Amino acid sequence: MANDLQSKFEAAVAASKTLKQRPDNETLLKLYSLYKQATDGDVSGKRPGMLDMVGRAKYDAWTALQGTSADAAMKEYVALVKKLGGK
């Protein structure tokens, strides 16, 4: 089961790079945070400063998933890429 999920996740990561239409920023943040949670676990380190708005948004999106298991994050990532038209 875990290997099947891992292979679906890896396929979704590849598919996310070839989407016909670029997702909006909110969706991109969701993809980023789910990917980071699935691959690295809970966020660590300091929150970026006020001048780094992109880094701060990424950090906040990832922090919102704190405590989510890697499997749950992978499943949600795969579902989101499918919804966006990825295979």
PDB file of N, CA and C in Angstrom:
ATOM      1  N   MET A   1       0.832  -1.205   0.000  1.00  0.00           N
ATOM      2  CA  MET A   1       0.000   0.000   0.000  1.00  0.00           C
ATOM      3  C   MET A   1       0.863   1.251   0.000  1.00  0.00           C
ATOM      4  N   ALA A   2       1.854   1.278   0.894  1.00  0.00           N
ATOM      5  CA  ALA A   2       2.704   2.467   0.994  1.00  0.00           C
ATOM      6  C   ALA A   2       3.463   2.709  -0.310  1.00  0.00           C
ATOM      7  N   ASN A   3       3.954   1.632  -0.935  1.00  0.00           N
ATOM      8  CA  ASN A   3       4.678   1.798  -2.194  1.00  0.00           C
ATOM      9  C   ASN A   3       3.760   2.301  -3.295  1.00  0.00           C
ATOM     10  N   ASP A   4       2.504   1.814  -3.298  1.00  0.00           N
ATOM     11  CA  ASP A   4       1.526   2.255  -4.281  1.00  0.00           C
ATOM     12  C   ASP A   4       1.249   3.752  -4.112  1.00  0.00           C
ATOM     13  N   LEU A   5       1.074   4.179  -2.866  1.00  0.00           N
ATOM     14  CA  LEU A   5       0.840   5.600  -2.585  1.00  0.00           C
ATOM     15  C   LEU A   5       2.055   6.423  -2.991  1.00  0.00           C
ATOM     16  N   GLN A   6       3.244   5.926  -2.675  1.00  0.00           N
ATOM     17  CA  GLN A   6       4.478   6.636  -3.029  1.00  0.00           C
ATOM     18  C   GLN A   6       4.587   6.802  -4.544  1.00  0.00           C
ATOM     19  N   SER A   7       4.275   5.757  -5.293  1.00  0.00           N
ATOM     20  CA  SER A   7       4.383   5.858  -6.752  1.00  0.00           C
ATOM     21  C   SER A   7       3.318   6.798  -7.323  1.00  0.00           C
ATOM     22  N   LYS A   8       2.099   6.786  -6.748  1.00  0.00           N
ATOM     23  CA  LYS A   8       1.064   7.733  -7.178  1.00  0.00           C
ATOM     24  C   LYS A   8       1.491   9.165  -6.874  1.00  0.00           C
ATOM     25  N   PHE A   9       2.104   9.356  -5.710  1.00  0.00           N
ATOM     26  CA  PHE A   9       2.581  10.684  -5.313  1.00  0.00           C
ATOM     27  C   PHE A   9       3.656  11.172  -6.280  1.00  0.00           C
ATOM     28  N   GLU A  10       4.620  10.299  -6.579  1.00  0.00           N
ATOM     29  CA  GLU A  10       5.699  10.688  -7.500  1.00  0.00           C
ATOM     30  C   GLU A  10       5.155  11.005  -8.889  1.00  0.00           C
ATOM     31  N   ALA A  11       4.157  10.237  -9.340  1.00  0.00           N
ATOM     32  CA  ALA A  11       3.522  10.514 -10.636  1.00  0.00           C
ATOM     33  C   ALA A  11       2.799  11.858 -10.601  1.00  0.00           C
ATOM     34  N   ALA A  12       2.143  12.152  -9.478  1.00  0.00           N
ATOM     35  CA  ALA A  12       1.423  13.423  -9.341  1.00  0.00           C
ATOM     36  C   ALA A  12       2.402  14.599  -9.320  1.00  0.00           C
ATOM     37  N   VAL A  13       3.557  14.422  -8.666  1.00  0.00           N
ATOM     38  CA  VAL A  13       4.583  15.474  -8.648  1.00  0.00           C
ATOM     39  C   VAL A  13       5.035  15.764 -10.078  1.00  0.00           C
ATOM     40  N   ALA A  14       5.275  14.719 -10.851  1.00  0.00           N
ATOM     41  CA  ALA A  14       5.689  14.893 -12.250  1.00  0.00           C
ATOM     42  C   ALA A  14       4.566  15.566 -13.046  1.00  0.00           C
ATOM     43  N   ALA A  15       3.333  15.120 -12.834  1.00  0.00           N
ATOM     44  CA  ALA A  15       2.184  15.683 -13.561  1.00  0.00           C
ATOM     45  C   ALA A  15       1.963  17.151 -13.212  1.00  0.00           C
ATOM     46  N   SER A  16       2.262  17.521 -11.969  1.00  0.00           N
ATOM     47  CA  SER A  16       2.041  18.908 -11.544  1.00  0.00           C
ATOM     48  C   SER A  16       2.929  19.882 -12.316  1.00  0.00           C
ATOM     49  N   LYS A  17       4.021  19.378 -12.854  1.00  0.00           N
ATOM     50  CA  LYS A  17       4.948  20.240 -13.601  1.00  0.00           C
ATOM     51  C   LYS A  17       4.542  20.395 -15.054  1.00  0.00           C
ATOM     52  N   THR A  18       3.544  19.616 -15.483  1.00  0.00           N
ATOM     53  CA  THR A  18       3.127  19.666 -16.889  1.00  0.00           C
ATOM     54  C   THR A  18       1.648  20.015 -17.047  1.00  0.00           C
ATOM     55  N   LEU A  19       1.081  20.661 -16.056  1.00  0.00           N
ATOM     56  CA  LEU A  19      -0.328  21.060 -16.155  1.00  0.00           C
ATOM     57  C   LEU A  19      -0.511  22.043 -17.304  1.00  0.00           C
ATOM     58  N   LYS A  20      -1.634  21.902 -17.995  1.00  0.00           N
ATOM     59  CA  LYS A  20      -1.903  22.786 -19.138  1.00  0.00           C
ATOM     60  C   LYS A  20      -2.059  24.241 -18.714  1.00  0.00           C
ATOM     61  N   GLN A  21      -2.639  24.444 -17.535  1.00  0.00           N
ATOM     62  CA  GLN A  21      -2.869  25.803 -17.047  1.00  0.00           C
ATOM     63  C   GLN A  21      -2.199  25.974 -15.682  1.00  0.00           C
ATOM     64  N   ARG A  22      -1.514  27.091 -15.501  1.00  0.00           N
ATOM     65  CA  ARG A  22      -0.852  27.360 -14.227  1.00  0.00           C
ATOM     66  C   ARG A  22      -1.895  27.648 -13.162  1.00  0.00           C
ATOM     67  N   PRO A  23      -1.836  26.899 -12.038  1.00  0.00           N
ATOM     68  CA  PRO A  23      -2.800  27.145 -10.955  1.00  0.00           C
ATOM     69  C   PRO A  23      -2.614  28.536 -10.346  1.00  0.00           C
ATOM     70  N   ASP A  24      -3.660  29.022  -9.681  1.00  0.00           N
ATOM     71  CA  ASP A  24      -3.554  30.311  -9.002  1.00  0.00           C
ATOM     72  C   ASP A  24      -2.599  30.185  -7.803  1.00  0.00           C
ATOM     73  N   ASN A  25      -2.219  31.326  -7.251  1.00  0.00           N
ATOM     74  CA  ASN A  25      -1.228  31.331  -6.168  1.00  0.00           C
ATOM     75  C   ASN A  25      -1.661  30.526  -4.947  1.00  0.00           C
ATOM     76  N   GLU A  26      -2.948  30.600  -4.612  1.00  0.00           N
ATOM     77  CA  GLU A  26      -3.442  29.863  -3.450  1.00  0.00           C
ATOM     78  C   GLU A  26      -3.283  28.348  -3.653  1.00  0.00           C
ATOM     79  N   THR A  27      -3.582  27.896  -4.872  1.00  0.00           N
ATOM     80  CA  THR A  27      -3.442  26.467  -5.187  1.00  0.00           C
ATOM     81  C   THR A  27      -1.973  26.067  -5.210  1.00  0.00           C
ATOM     82  N   LEU A  28      -1.130  26.938  -5.745  1.00  0.00           N
ATOM     83  CA  LEU A  28       0.310  26.651  -5.748  1.00  0.00           C
ATOM     84  C   LEU A  28       0.846  26.522  -4.322  1.00  0.00           C
ATOM     85  N   LEU A  29       0.373  27.387  -3.424  1.00  0.00           N
ATOM     86  CA  LEU A  29       0.782  27.296  -2.020  1.00  0.00           C
ATOM     87  C   LEU A  29       0.316  25.982  -1.401  1.00  0.00           C
ATOM     88  N   LYS A  30      -0.893  25.553  -1.754  1.00  0.00           N
ATOM     89  CA  LYS A  30      -1.424  24.288  -1.232  1.00  0.00           C
ATOM     90  C   LYS A  30      -0.571  23.127  -1.731  1.00  0.00           C
ATOM     91  N   LEU A  31      -0.230  23.137  -3.017  1.00  0.00           N
ATOM     92  CA  LEU A  31       0.634  22.089  -3.573  1.00  0.00           C
ATOM     93  C   LEU A  31       1.988  22.072  -2.875  1.00  0.00           C
ATOM     94  N   TYR A  32       2.561  23.253  -2.702  1.00  0.00           N
ATOM     95  CA  TYR A  32       3.867  23.370  -2.042  1.00  0.00           C
ATOM     96  C   TYR A  32       3.810  22.811  -0.627  1.00  0.00           C
ATOM     97  N   SER A  33       2.813  23.238   0.134  1.00  0.00           N
ATOM     98  CA  SER A  33       2.746  22.834   1.536  1.00  0.00           C
ATOM     99  C   SER A  33       2.475  21.337   1.679  1.00  0.00           C
ATOM    100  N   LEU A  34       1.621  20.792   0.823  1.00  0.00           N
ATOM    101  CA  LEU A  34       1.364  19.348   0.872  1.00  0.00           C
ATOM    102  C   LEU A  34       2.621  18.559   0.506  1.00  0.00           C
ATOM    103  N   TYR A  35       3.352  19.043  -0.510  1.00  0.00           N
ATOM    104  CA  TYR A  35       4.591  18.380  -0.914  1.00  0.00           C
ATOM    105  C   TYR A  35       5.603  18.392   0.237  1.00  0.00           C
ATOM    106  N   LYS A  36       5.784  19.558   0.845  1.00  0.00           N
ATOM    107  CA  LYS A  36       6.755  19.672   1.939  1.00  0.00           C
ATOM    108  C   LYS A  36       6.347  18.802   3.137  1.00  0.00           C
ATOM    109  N   GLN A  37       5.049  18.780   3.455  1.00  0.00           N
ATOM    110  CA  GLN A  37       4.583  17.970   4.581  1.00  0.00           C
ATOM    111  C   GLN A  37       4.798  16.486   4.286  1.00  0.00           C
ATOM    112  N   ALA A  38       4.540  16.078   3.034  1.00  0.00           N
ATOM    113  CA  ALA A  38       4.698  14.674   2.653  1.00  0.00           C
ATOM    114  C   ALA A  38       6.164  14.247   2.645  1.00  0.00           C
ATOM    115  N   THR A  39       7.041  15.146   2.228  1.00  0.00           N
ATOM    116  CA  THR A  39       8.451  14.759   2.077  1.00  0.00           C
ATOM    117  C   THR A  39       9.322  15.103   3.284  1.00  0.00           C
ATOM    118  N   ASP A  40       9.010  16.188   3.996  1.00  0.00           N
ATOM    119  CA  ASP A  40       9.868  16.642   5.097  1.00  0.00           C
ATOM    120  C   ASP A  40       9.206  16.578   6.473  1.00  0.00           C
ATOM    121  N   GLY A  41       7.892  16.367   6.519  1.00  0.00           N
ATOM    122  CA  GLY A  41       7.196  16.359   7.811  1.00  0.00           C
ATOM    123  C   GLY A  41       6.891  17.778   8.263  1.00  0.00           C
ATOM    124  N   ASP A  42       6.678  17.934   9.567  1.00  0.00           N
ATOM    125  CA  ASP A  42       6.310  19.240  10.115  1.00  0.00           C
ATOM    126  C   ASP A  42       7.379  20.298   9.848  1.00  0.00           C
ATOM    127  N   VAL A  43       6.918  21.515   9.649  1.00  0.00           N
ATOM    128  CA  VAL A  43       7.803  22.649   9.386  1.00  0.00           C
ATOM    129  C   VAL A  43       8.765  22.856  10.565  1.00  0.00           C
ATOM    130  N   SER A  44       9.967  23.304  10.235  1.00  0.00           N
ATOM    131  CA  SER A  44      10.933  23.624  11.284  1.00  0.00           C
ATOM    132  C   SER A  44      11.649  24.911  10.899  1.00  0.00           C
ATOM    133  N   GLY A  45      12.348  25.480  11.831  1.00  0.00           N
ATOM    134  CA  GLY A  45      13.059  26.725  11.558  1.00  0.00           C
ATOM    135  C   GLY A  45      12.199  27.937  11.841  1.00  0.00           C
ATOM    136  N   LYS A  46      12.813  29.089  11.658  1.00  0.00           N
ATOM    137  CA  LYS A  46      12.128  30.346  11.961  1.00  0.00           C
ATOM    138  C   LYS A  46      11.286  30.799  10.779  1.00  0.00           C
ATOM    139  N   ARG A  47      10.214  31.497  11.088  1.00  0.00           N
ATOM    140  CA  ARG A  47       9.356  32.091  10.069  1.00  0.00           C
ATOM    141  C   ARG A  47      10.131  33.212   9.381  1.00  0.00           C
ATOM    142  N   PRO A  48      10.105  33.253   8.040  1.00  0.00           N
ATOM    143  CA  PRO A  48      10.807  34.327   7.328  1.00  0.00           C
ATOM    144  C   PRO A  48      10.299  35.704   7.745  1.00  0.00           C
ATOM    145  N   GLY A  49      11.159  36.697   7.574  1.00  0.00           N
ATOM    146  CA  GLY A  49      10.832  38.066   7.971  1.00  0.00           C
ATOM    147  C   GLY A  49       9.771  38.709   7.101  1.00  0.00           C
ATOM    148  N   MET A  50       9.323  39.878   7.550  1.00  0.00           N
ATOM    149  CA  MET A  50       8.242  40.610   6.883  1.00  0.00           C
ATOM    150  C   MET A  50       8.547  40.934   5.411  1.00  0.00           C
ATOM    151  N   LEU A  51       9.805  41.140   5.075  1.00  0.00           N
ATOM    152  CA  LEU A  51      10.152  41.532   3.713  1.00  0.00           C
ATOM    153  C   LEU A  51      10.144  40.355   2.746  1.00  0.00           C
ATOM    154  N   ASP A  52      10.210  39.139   3.266  1.00  0.00           N
ATOM    155  CA  ASP A  52      10.178  37.943   2.428  1.00  0.00           C
ATOM    156  C   ASP A  52       8.742  37.421   2.384  1.00  0.00           C
ATOM    157  N   MET A  53       7.894  38.101   1.607  1.00  0.00           N
ATOM    158  CA  MET A  53       6.470  37.758   1.599  1.00  0.00           C
ATOM    159  C   MET A  53       6.205  36.376   1.017  1.00  0.00           C
ATOM    160  N   VAL A  54       6.944  35.988  -0.011  1.00  0.00           N
ATOM    161  CA  VAL A  54       6.742  34.676  -0.619  1.00  0.00           C
ATOM    162  C   VAL A  54       7.169  33.578   0.356  1.00  0.00           C
ATOM    163  N   GLY A  55       8.351  33.734   0.940  1.00  0.00           N
ATOM    164  CA  GLY A  55       8.841  32.758   1.912  1.00  0.00           C
ATOM    165  C   GLY A  55       7.905  32.647   3.106  1.00  0.00           C
ATOM    166  N   ARG A  56       7.392  33.776   3.528  1.00  0.00           N
ATOM    167  CA  ARG A  56       6.477  33.814   4.674  1.00  0.00           C
ATOM    168  C   ARG A  56       5.160  33.093   4.343  1.00  0.00           C
ATOM    169  N   ALA A  57       4.636  33.311   3.142  1.00  0.00           N
ATOM    170  CA  ALA A  57       3.395  32.653   2.721  1.00  0.00           C
ATOM    171  C   ALA A  57       3.595  31.138   2.639  1.00  0.00           C
ATOM    172  N   LYS A  58       4.740  30.722   2.099  1.00  0.00           N
ATOM    173  CA  LYS A  58       5.043  29.289   2.018  1.00  0.00           C
ATOM    174  C   LYS A  58       5.151  28.685   3.412  1.00  0.00           C
ATOM    175  N   TYR A  59       5.846  29.373   4.287  1.00  0.00           N
ATOM    176  CA  TYR A  59       6.028  28.892   5.662  1.00  0.00           C
ATOM    177  C   TYR A  59       4.678  28.755   6.363  1.00  0.00           C
ATOM    178  N   ASP A  60       3.831  29.770   6.224  1.00  0.00           N
ATOM    179  CA  ASP A  60       2.518  29.756   6.875  1.00  0.00           C
ATOM    180  C   ASP A  60       1.630  28.631   6.328  1.00  0.00           C
ATOM    181  N   ALA A  61       1.675  28.424   5.011  1.00  0.00           N
ATOM    182  CA  ALA A  61       0.872  27.362   4.401  1.00  0.00           C
ATOM    183  C   ALA A  61       1.332  25.994   4.906  1.00  0.00           C
ATOM    184  N   TRP A  62       2.637  25.816   5.018  1.00  0.00           N
ATOM    185  CA  TRP A  62       3.189  24.548   5.498  1.00  0.00           C
ATOM    186  C   TRP A  62       2.863  24.363   6.983  1.00  0.00           C
ATOM    187  N   THR A  63       2.957  25.431   7.764  1.00  0.00           N
ATOM    188  CA  THR A  63       2.650  25.367   9.195  1.00  0.00           C
ATOM    189  C   THR A  63       1.199  24.935   9.429  1.00  0.00           C
ATOM    190  N   ALA A  64       0.299  25.340   8.543  1.00  0.00           N
ATOM    191  CA  ALA A  64      -1.119  24.983   8.684  1.00  0.00           C
ATOM    192  C   ALA A  64      -1.344  23.475   8.617  1.00  0.00           C
ATOM    193  N   LEU A  65      -0.392  22.745   8.055  1.00  0.00           N
ATOM    194  CA  LEU A  65      -0.520  21.286   7.921  1.00  0.00           C
ATOM    195  C   LEU A  65       0.191  20.537   9.048  1.00  0.00           C
ATOM    196  N   GLN A  66       0.705  21.258  10.015  1.00  0.00           N
ATOM    197  CA  GLN A  66       1.439  20.636  11.112  1.00  0.00           C
ATOM    198  C   GLN A  66       0.625  19.492  11.729  1.00  0.00           C
ATOM    199  N   GLY A  67       1.263  18.338  11.910  1.00  0.00           N
ATOM    200  CA  GLY A  67       0.607  17.181  12.498  1.00  0.00           C
ATOM    201  C   GLY A  67      -0.039  16.262  11.469  1.00  0.00           C
ATOM    202  N   THR A  68      -0.113  16.701  10.208  1.00  0.00           N
ATOM    203  CA  THR A  68      -0.666  15.862   9.146  1.00  0.00           C
ATOM    204  C   THR A  68       0.355  14.785   8.799  1.00  0.00           C
ATOM    205  N   SER A  69      -0.090  13.546   8.679  1.00  0.00           N
ATOM    206  CA  SER A  69       0.838  12.463   8.351  1.00  0.00           C
ATOM    207  C   SER A  69       1.304  12.587   6.904  1.00  0.00           C
ATOM    208  N   ALA A  70       2.460  11.989   6.621  1.00  0.00           N
ATOM    209  CA  ALA A  70       2.997  12.009   5.260  1.00  0.00           C
ATOM    210  C   ALA A  70       2.016  11.352   4.296  1.00  0.00           C
ATOM    211  N   ASP A  71       1.415  10.224   4.706  1.00  0.00           N
ATOM    212  CA  ASP A  71       0.461   9.529   3.835  1.00  0.00           C
ATOM    213  C   ASP A  71      -0.750  10.400   3.521  1.00  0.00           C
ATOM    214  N   ALA A  72      -1.278  11.071   4.537  1.00  0.00           N
ATOM    215  CA  ALA A  72      -2.443  11.935   4.329  1.00  0.00           C
ATOM    216  C   ALA A  72      -2.085  13.091   3.391  1.00  0.00           C
ATOM    217  N   ALA A  73      -0.899  13.665   3.559  1.00  0.00           N
ATOM    218  CA  ALA A  73      -0.467  14.769   2.692  1.00  0.00           C
ATOM    219  C   ALA A  73      -0.283  14.275   1.255  1.00  0.00           C
ATOM    220  N   MET A  74       0.272  13.073   1.097  1.00  0.00           N
ATOM    221  CA  MET A  74       0.451  12.511  -0.253  1.00  0.00           C
ATOM    222  C   MET A  74      -0.900  12.293  -0.926  1.00  0.00           C
ATOM    223  N   LYS A  75      -1.853  11.716  -0.191  1.00  0.00           N
ATOM    224  CA  LYS A  75      -3.182  11.453  -0.752  1.00  0.00           C
ATOM    225  C   LYS A  75      -3.852  12.756  -1.184  1.00  0.00           C
ATOM    226  N   GLU A  76      -3.750  13.786  -0.359  1.00  0.00           N
ATOM    227  CA  GLU A  76      -4.368  15.076  -0.686  1.00  0.00           C
ATOM    228  C   GLU A  76      -3.679  15.720  -1.887  1.00  0.00           C
ATOM    229  N   TYR A  77      -2.350  15.589  -1.964  1.00  0.00           N
ATOM    230  CA  TYR A  77      -1.582  16.125  -3.093  1.00  0.00           C
ATOM    231  C   TYR A  77      -2.026  15.455  -4.392  1.00  0.00           C
ATOM    232  N   VAL A  78      -2.096  14.123  -4.368  1.00  0.00           N
ATOM    233  CA  VAL A  78      -2.505  13.362  -5.557  1.00  0.00           C
ATOM    234  C   VAL A  78      -3.907  13.787  -6.000  1.00  0.00           C
ATOM    235  N   ALA A  79      -4.831  13.911  -5.055  1.00  0.00           N
ATOM    236  CA  ALA A  79      -6.209  14.311  -5.371  1.00  0.00           C
ATOM    237  C   ALA A  79      -6.252  15.716  -5.972  1.00  0.00           C
ATOM    238  N   LEU A  80      -5.459  16.627  -5.426  1.00  0.00           N
ATOM    239  CA  LEU A  80      -5.456  18.005  -5.926  1.00  0.00           C
ATOM    240  C   LEU A  80      -4.893  18.071  -7.341  1.00  0.00           C
ATOM    241  N   VAL A  81      -3.813  17.341  -7.611  1.00  0.00           N
ATOM    242  CA  VAL A  81      -3.244  17.344  -8.966  1.00  0.00           C
ATOM    243  C   VAL A  81      -4.237  16.748  -9.956  1.00  0.00           C
ATOM    244  N   LYS A  82      -4.938  15.693  -9.573  1.00  0.00           N
ATOM    245  CA  LYS A  82      -5.962  15.102 -10.445  1.00  0.00           C
ATOM    246  C   LYS A  82      -7.054  16.132 -10.737  1.00  0.00           C
ATOM    247  N   LYS A  83      -7.473  16.850  -9.700  1.00  0.00           N
ATOM    248  CA  LYS A  83      -8.520  17.869  -9.863  1.00  0.00           C
ATOM    249  C   LYS A  83      -8.068  18.973 -10.831  1.00  0.00           C
ATOM    250  N   LEU A  84      -6.768  19.261 -10.824  1.00  0.00           N
ATOM    251  CA  LEU A  84      -6.222  20.311 -11.694  1.00  0.00           C
ATOM    252  C   LEU A  84      -5.994  19.823 -13.121  1.00  0.00           C
ATOM    253  N   GLY A  85      -6.257  18.550 -13.366  1.00  0.00           N
ATOM    254  CA  GLY A  85      -6.114  18.025 -14.729  1.00  0.00           C
ATOM    255  C   GLY A  85      -4.856  17.214 -14.942  1.00  0.00           C
ATOM    256  N   GLY A  86      -4.122  16.945 -13.875  1.00  0.00           N
ATOM    257  CA  GLY A  86      -2.946  16.082 -14.001  1.00  0.00           C
ATOM    258  C   GLY A  86      -3.373  14.634 -14.007  1.00  0.00           C
ATOM    259  N   LYS A  87      -2.479  13.759 -14.443  1.00  0.00           N
ATOM    260  CA  LYS A  87      -2.841  12.329 -14.541  1.00  0.00           C
ATOM    261  C   LYS A  87      -2.554  11.585 -13.272  1.00  0.00           C
TER     262      LYS A  87
END
